Amino acid sequence: MGLILLEALAAGLVFILIIWWTMFSGRNKGELHDDDDQPEADRGADKGKRPPEP
């Protein structure tokens, strides 16, 4: 019985480790964002810097 509980604990720890690794092992400053991902309200601030759209 004790061996089954130990195995279940080990499986739970591996599961938590996988979740932690996938959540926190990425870029140092997060994901890179494209200019197209900006909300409409933020796009007006840099209109002078972008070429006009065709």
PDB file of N, CA and C in Angstrom:
ATOM      1  N   MET A   1       0.830  -1.198   0.000  1.00  0.00           N
ATOM      2  CA  MET A   1       0.000   0.000   0.000  1.00  0.00           C
ATOM      3  C   MET A   1       0.874   1.261   0.000  1.00  0.00           C
ATOM      4  N   GLY A   2       1.918   1.222   0.804  1.00  0.00           N
ATOM      5  CA  GLY A   2       2.811   2.376   0.886  1.00  0.00           C
ATOM      6  C   GLY A   2       3.526   2.648  -0.430  1.00  0.00           C
ATOM      7  N   LEU A   3       3.858   1.573  -1.157  1.00  0.00           N
ATOM      8  CA  LEU A   3       4.530   1.736  -2.444  1.00  0.00           C
ATOM      9  C   LEU A   3       3.612   2.402  -3.466  1.00  0.00           C
ATOM     10  N   ILE A   4       2.336   2.085  -3.423  1.00  0.00           N
ATOM     11  CA  ILE A   4       1.365   2.708  -4.338  1.00  0.00           C
ATOM     12  C   ILE A   4       1.237   4.196  -4.037  1.00  0.00           C
ATOM     13  N   LEU A   5       1.197   4.562  -2.762  1.00  0.00           N
ATOM     14  CA  LEU A   5       1.112   5.974  -2.386  1.00  0.00           C
ATOM     15  C   LEU A   5       2.383   6.725  -2.778  1.00  0.00           C
ATOM     16  N   LEU A   6       3.536   6.090  -2.619  1.00  0.00           N
ATOM     17  CA  LEU A   6       4.792   6.707  -3.016  1.00  0.00           C
ATOM     18  C   LEU A   6       4.841   6.931  -4.528  1.00  0.00           C
ATOM     19  N   GLU A   7       4.359   5.957  -5.285  1.00  0.00           N
ATOM     20  CA  GLU A   7       4.321   6.090  -6.741  1.00  0.00           C
ATOM     21  C   GLU A   7       3.346   7.193  -7.162  1.00  0.00           C
ATOM     22  N   ALA A   8       2.214   7.287  -6.491  1.00  0.00           N
ATOM     23  CA  ALA A   8       1.248   8.350  -6.797  1.00  0.00           C
ATOM     24  C   ALA A   8       1.831   9.722  -6.465  1.00  0.00           C
ATOM     25  N   LEU A   9       2.552   9.827  -5.372  1.00  0.00           N
ATOM     26  CA  LEU A   9       3.200  11.086  -5.017  1.00  0.00           C
ATOM     27  C   LEU A   9       4.252  11.470  -6.052  1.00  0.00           C
ATOM     28  N   ALA A  10       5.037  10.508  -6.505  1.00  0.00           N
ATOM     29  CA  ALA A  10       6.048  10.770  -7.525  1.00  0.00           C
ATOM     30  C   ALA A  10       5.396  11.226  -8.836  1.00  0.00           C
ATOM     31  N   ALA A  11       4.306  10.586  -9.221  1.00  0.00           N
ATOM     32  CA  ALA A  11       3.600  10.974 -10.445  1.00  0.00           C
ATOM     33  C   ALA A  11       3.027  12.381 -10.311  1.00  0.00           C
ATOM     34  N   GLY A  12       2.503  12.721  -9.142  1.00  0.00           N
ATOM     35  CA  GLY A  12       1.983  14.072  -8.914  1.00  0.00           C
ATOM     36  C   GLY A  12       3.083  15.115  -8.979  1.00  0.00           C
ATOM     37  N   LEU A  13       4.244  14.807  -8.416  1.00  0.00           N
ATOM     38  CA  LEU A  13       5.367  15.746  -8.480  1.00  0.00           C
ATOM     39  C   LEU A  13       5.855  15.943  -9.912  1.00  0.00           C
ATOM     40  N   VAL A  14       5.900  14.869 -10.690  1.00  0.00           N
ATOM     41  CA  VAL A  14       6.286  14.999 -12.104  1.00  0.00           C
ATOM     42  C   VAL A  14       5.262  15.854 -12.847  1.00  0.00           C
ATOM     43  N   PHE A  15       3.991  15.657 -12.570  1.00  0.00           N
ATOM     44  CA  PHE A  15       2.936  16.445 -13.205  1.00  0.00           C
ATOM     45  C   PHE A  15       3.082  17.929 -12.864  1.00  0.00           C
ATOM     46  N   ILE A  16       3.312  18.249 -11.596  1.00  0.00           N
ATOM     47  CA  ILE A  16       3.492  19.641 -11.172  1.00  0.00           C
ATOM     48  C   ILE A  16       4.745  20.232 -11.816  1.00  0.00           C
ATOM     49  N   LEU A  17       5.817  19.453 -11.920  1.00  0.00           N
ATOM     50  CA  LEU A  17       7.047  19.924 -12.553  1.00  0.00           C
ATOM     51  C   LEU A  17       6.822  20.250 -14.026  1.00  0.00           C
ATOM     52  N   ILE A  18       6.078  19.416 -14.724  1.00  0.00           N
ATOM     53  CA  ILE A  18       5.787  19.667 -16.149  1.00  0.00           C
ATOM     54  C   ILE A  18       4.959  20.939 -16.298  1.00  0.00           C
ATOM     55  N   ILE A  19       3.961  21.123 -15.457  1.00  0.00           N
ATOM     56  CA  ILE A  19       3.135  22.329 -15.511  1.00  0.00           C
ATOM     57  C   ILE A  19       3.984  23.570 -15.233  1.00  0.00           C
ATOM     58  N   TRP A  20       4.820  23.520 -14.208  1.00  0.00           N
ATOM     59  CA  TRP A  20       5.674  24.656 -13.858  1.00  0.00           C
ATOM     60  C   TRP A  20       6.636  24.972 -14.994  1.00  0.00           C
ATOM     61  N   TRP A  21       7.222  23.947 -15.580  1.00  0.00           N
ATOM     62  CA  TRP A  21       8.201  24.150 -16.649  1.00  0.00           C
ATOM     63  C   TRP A  21       7.549  24.821 -17.865  1.00  0.00           C
ATOM     64  N   THR A  22       6.359  24.383 -18.233  1.00  0.00           N
ATOM     65  CA  THR A  22       5.713  24.956 -19.410  1.00  0.00           C
ATOM     66  C   THR A  22       5.202  26.370 -19.151  1.00  0.00           C
ATOM     67  N   MET A  23       4.899  26.716 -17.915  1.00  0.00           N
ATOM     68  CA  MET A  23       4.398  28.058 -17.623  1.00  0.00           C
ATOM     69  C   MET A  23       5.510  29.092 -17.534  1.00  0.00           C
ATOM     70  N   PHE A  24       6.649  28.727 -16.946  1.00  0.00           N
ATOM     71  CA  PHE A  24       7.651  29.720 -16.600  1.00  0.00           C
ATOM     72  C   PHE A  24       8.965  29.612 -17.356  1.00  0.00           C
ATOM     73  N   SER A  25       9.114  28.711 -18.290  1.00  0.00           N
ATOM     74  CA  SER A  25      10.382  28.615 -19.012  1.00  0.00           C
ATOM     75  C   SER A  25      10.192  29.139 -20.429  1.00  0.00           C
ATOM     76  N   GLY A  26      10.165  30.437 -20.580  1.00  0.00           N
ATOM     77  CA  GLY A  26       9.993  31.037 -21.886  1.00  0.00           C
ATOM     78  C   GLY A  26      10.983  32.157 -22.072  1.00  0.00           C
ATOM     79  N   ARG A  27      10.575  33.137 -22.829  1.00  0.00           N
ATOM     80  CA  ARG A  27      11.417  34.309 -23.016  1.00  0.00           C
ATOM     81  C   ARG A  27      11.525  35.094 -21.714  1.00  0.00           C
ATOM     82  N   ASN A  28      12.630  35.793 -21.545  1.00  0.00           N
ATOM     83  CA  ASN A  28      12.818  36.576 -20.323  1.00  0.00           C
ATOM     84  C   ASN A  28      11.806  37.699 -20.208  1.00  0.00           C
ATOM     85  N   LYS A  29      11.438  38.297 -21.321  1.00  0.00           N
ATOM     86  CA  LYS A  29      10.501  39.421 -21.295  1.00  0.00           C
ATOM     87  C   LYS A  29       9.128  39.036 -21.846  1.00  0.00           C
ATOM     88  N   GLY A  30       8.812  37.772 -21.900  1.00  0.00           N
ATOM     89  CA  GLY A  30       7.521  37.328 -22.400  1.00  0.00           C
ATOM     90  C   GLY A  30       7.524  37.155 -23.902  1.00  0.00           C
ATOM     91  N   GLU A  31       6.378  36.913 -24.455  1.00  0.00           N
ATOM     92  CA  GLU A  31       6.246  36.701 -25.887  1.00  0.00           C
ATOM     93  C   GLU A  31       6.358  38.017 -26.647  1.00  0.00           C
ATOM     94  N   LEU A  32       6.898  37.938 -27.850  1.00  0.00           N
ATOM     95  CA  LEU A  32       6.970  39.114 -28.707  1.00  0.00           C
ATOM     96  C   LEU A  32       5.606  39.369 -29.321  1.00  0.00           C
ATOM     97  N   HIS A  33       5.231  40.632 -29.428  1.00  0.00           N
ATOM     98  CA  HIS A  33       3.928  40.989 -29.966  1.00  0.00           C
ATOM     99  C   HIS A  33       4.092  41.678 -31.320  1.00  0.00           C
ATOM    100  N   ASP A  34       3.218  41.341 -32.253  1.00  0.00           N
ATOM    101  CA  ASP A  34       3.196  42.014 -33.546  1.00  0.00           C
ATOM    102  C   ASP A  34       2.485  43.351 -33.405  1.00  0.00           C
ATOM    103  N   ASP A  35       2.723  44.256 -34.369  1.00  0.00           N
ATOM    104  CA  ASP A  35       2.026  45.535 -34.352  1.00  0.00           C
ATOM    105  C   ASP A  35       0.535  45.353 -34.593  1.00  0.00           C
ATOM    106  N   ASP A  36       0.155  44.286 -35.297  1.00  0.00           N
ATOM    107  CA  ASP A  36      -1.256  44.051 -35.594  1.00  0.00           C
ATOM    108  C   ASP A  36      -2.042  43.606 -34.363  1.00  0.00           C
ATOM    109  N   ASP A  37      -1.356  43.208 -33.294  1.00  0.00           N
ATOM    110  CA  ASP A  37      -2.034  42.756 -32.091  1.00  0.00           C
ATOM    111  C   ASP A  37      -2.463  43.907 -31.177  1.00  0.00           C
ATOM    112  N   GLN A  38      -2.084  45.136 -31.513  1.00  0.00           N
ATOM    113  CA  GLN A  38      -2.435  46.270 -30.669  1.00  0.00           C
ATOM    114  C   GLN A  38      -3.923  46.580 -30.787  1.00  0.00           C
ATOM    115  N   PRO A  39      -4.537  46.992 -29.690  1.00  0.00           N
ATOM    116  CA  PRO A  39      -5.938  47.414 -29.768  1.00  0.00           C
ATOM    117  C   PRO A  39      -6.074  48.679 -30.622  1.00  0.00           C
ATOM    118  N   GLU A  40      -7.266  48.938 -31.103  1.00  0.00           N
ATOM    119  CA  GLU A  40      -7.528  50.089 -31.980  1.00  0.00           C
ATOM    120  C   GLU A  40      -7.140  51.403 -31.315  1.00  0.00           C
ATOM    121  N   ALA A  41      -7.361  51.532 -30.015  1.00  0.00           N
ATOM    122  CA  ALA A  41      -7.072  52.786 -29.321  1.00  0.00           C
ATOM    123  C   ALA A  41      -5.574  53.088 -29.306  1.00  0.00           C
ATOM    124  N   ASP A  42      -4.735  52.050 -29.270  1.00  0.00           N
ATOM    125  CA  ASP A  42      -3.287  52.247 -29.209  1.00  0.00           C
ATOM    126  C   ASP A  42      -2.667  52.495 -30.579  1.00  0.00           C
ATOM    127  N   ARG A  43      -3.345  52.156 -31.640  1.00  0.00           N
ATOM    128  CA  ARG A  43      -2.777  52.297 -32.981  1.00  0.00           C
ATOM    129  C   ARG A  43      -2.607  53.748 -33.398  1.00  0.00           C
ATOM    130  N   GLY A  44      -3.404  54.646 -32.878  1.00  0.00           N
ATOM    131  CA  GLY A  44      -3.327  56.038 -33.274  1.00  0.00           C
ATOM    132  C   GLY A  44      -2.058  56.718 -32.794  1.00  0.00           C
ATOM    133  N   ALA A  45      -1.438  56.208 -31.748  1.00  0.00           N
ATOM    134  CA  ALA A  45      -0.254  56.845 -31.181  1.00  0.00           C
ATOM    135  C   ALA A  45       0.952  56.750 -32.100  1.00  0.00           C
ATOM    136  N   ASP A  46       1.025  55.709 -32.931  1.00  0.00           N
ATOM    137  CA  ASP A  46       2.199  55.557 -33.786  1.00  0.00           C
ATOM    138  C   ASP A  46       1.851  55.625 -35.279  1.00  0.00           C
ATOM    139  N   LYS A  47       0.799  56.345 -35.615  1.00  0.00           N
ATOM    140  CA  LYS A  47       0.417  56.445 -37.031  1.00  0.00           C
ATOM    141  C   LYS A  47       1.469  57.174 -37.857  1.00  0.00           C
ATOM    142  N   GLY A  48       2.149  58.142 -37.290  1.00  0.00           N
ATOM    143  CA  GLY A  48       3.150  58.891 -38.045  1.00  0.00           C
ATOM    144  C   GLY A  48       4.377  58.050 -38.358  1.00  0.00           C
ATOM    145  N   LYS A  49       4.621  57.004 -37.623  1.00  0.00           N
ATOM    146  CA  LYS A  49       5.804  56.174 -37.800  1.00  0.00           C
ATOM    147  C   LYS A  49       5.606  55.073 -38.826  1.00  0.00           C
ATOM    148  N   ARG A  50       4.382  54.716 -39.114  1.00  0.00           N
ATOM    149  CA  ARG A  50       4.101  53.606 -40.031  1.00  0.00           C
ATOM    150  C   ARG A  50       3.744  54.127 -41.417  1.00  0.00           C
ATOM    151  N   PRO A  51       4.152  53.411 -42.438  1.00  0.00           N
ATOM    152  CA  PRO A  51       3.747  53.830 -43.775  1.00  0.00           C
ATOM    153  C   PRO A  51       2.252  53.616 -43.967  1.00  0.00           C
ATOM    154  N   PRO A  52       1.639  54.389 -44.827  1.00  0.00           N
ATOM    155  CA  PRO A  52       0.197  54.236 -45.032  1.00  0.00           C
ATOM    156  C   PRO A  52      -0.123  52.868 -45.623  1.00  0.00           C
ATOM    157  N   GLU A  53      -1.237  52.316 -45.195  1.00  0.00           N
ATOM    158  CA  GLU A  53      -1.653  51.003 -45.698  1.00  0.00           C
ATOM    159  C   GLU A  53      -2.259  51.159 -47.084  1.00  0.00           C
ATOM    160  N   PRO A  54      -1.995  50.214 -47.970  1.00  0.00           N
ATOM    161  CA  PRO A  54      -2.542  50.305 -49.341  1.00  0.00           C
ATOM    162  C   PRO A  54      -4.029  50.091 -49.389  1.00  0.00           C
TER     163      PRO A  54
END
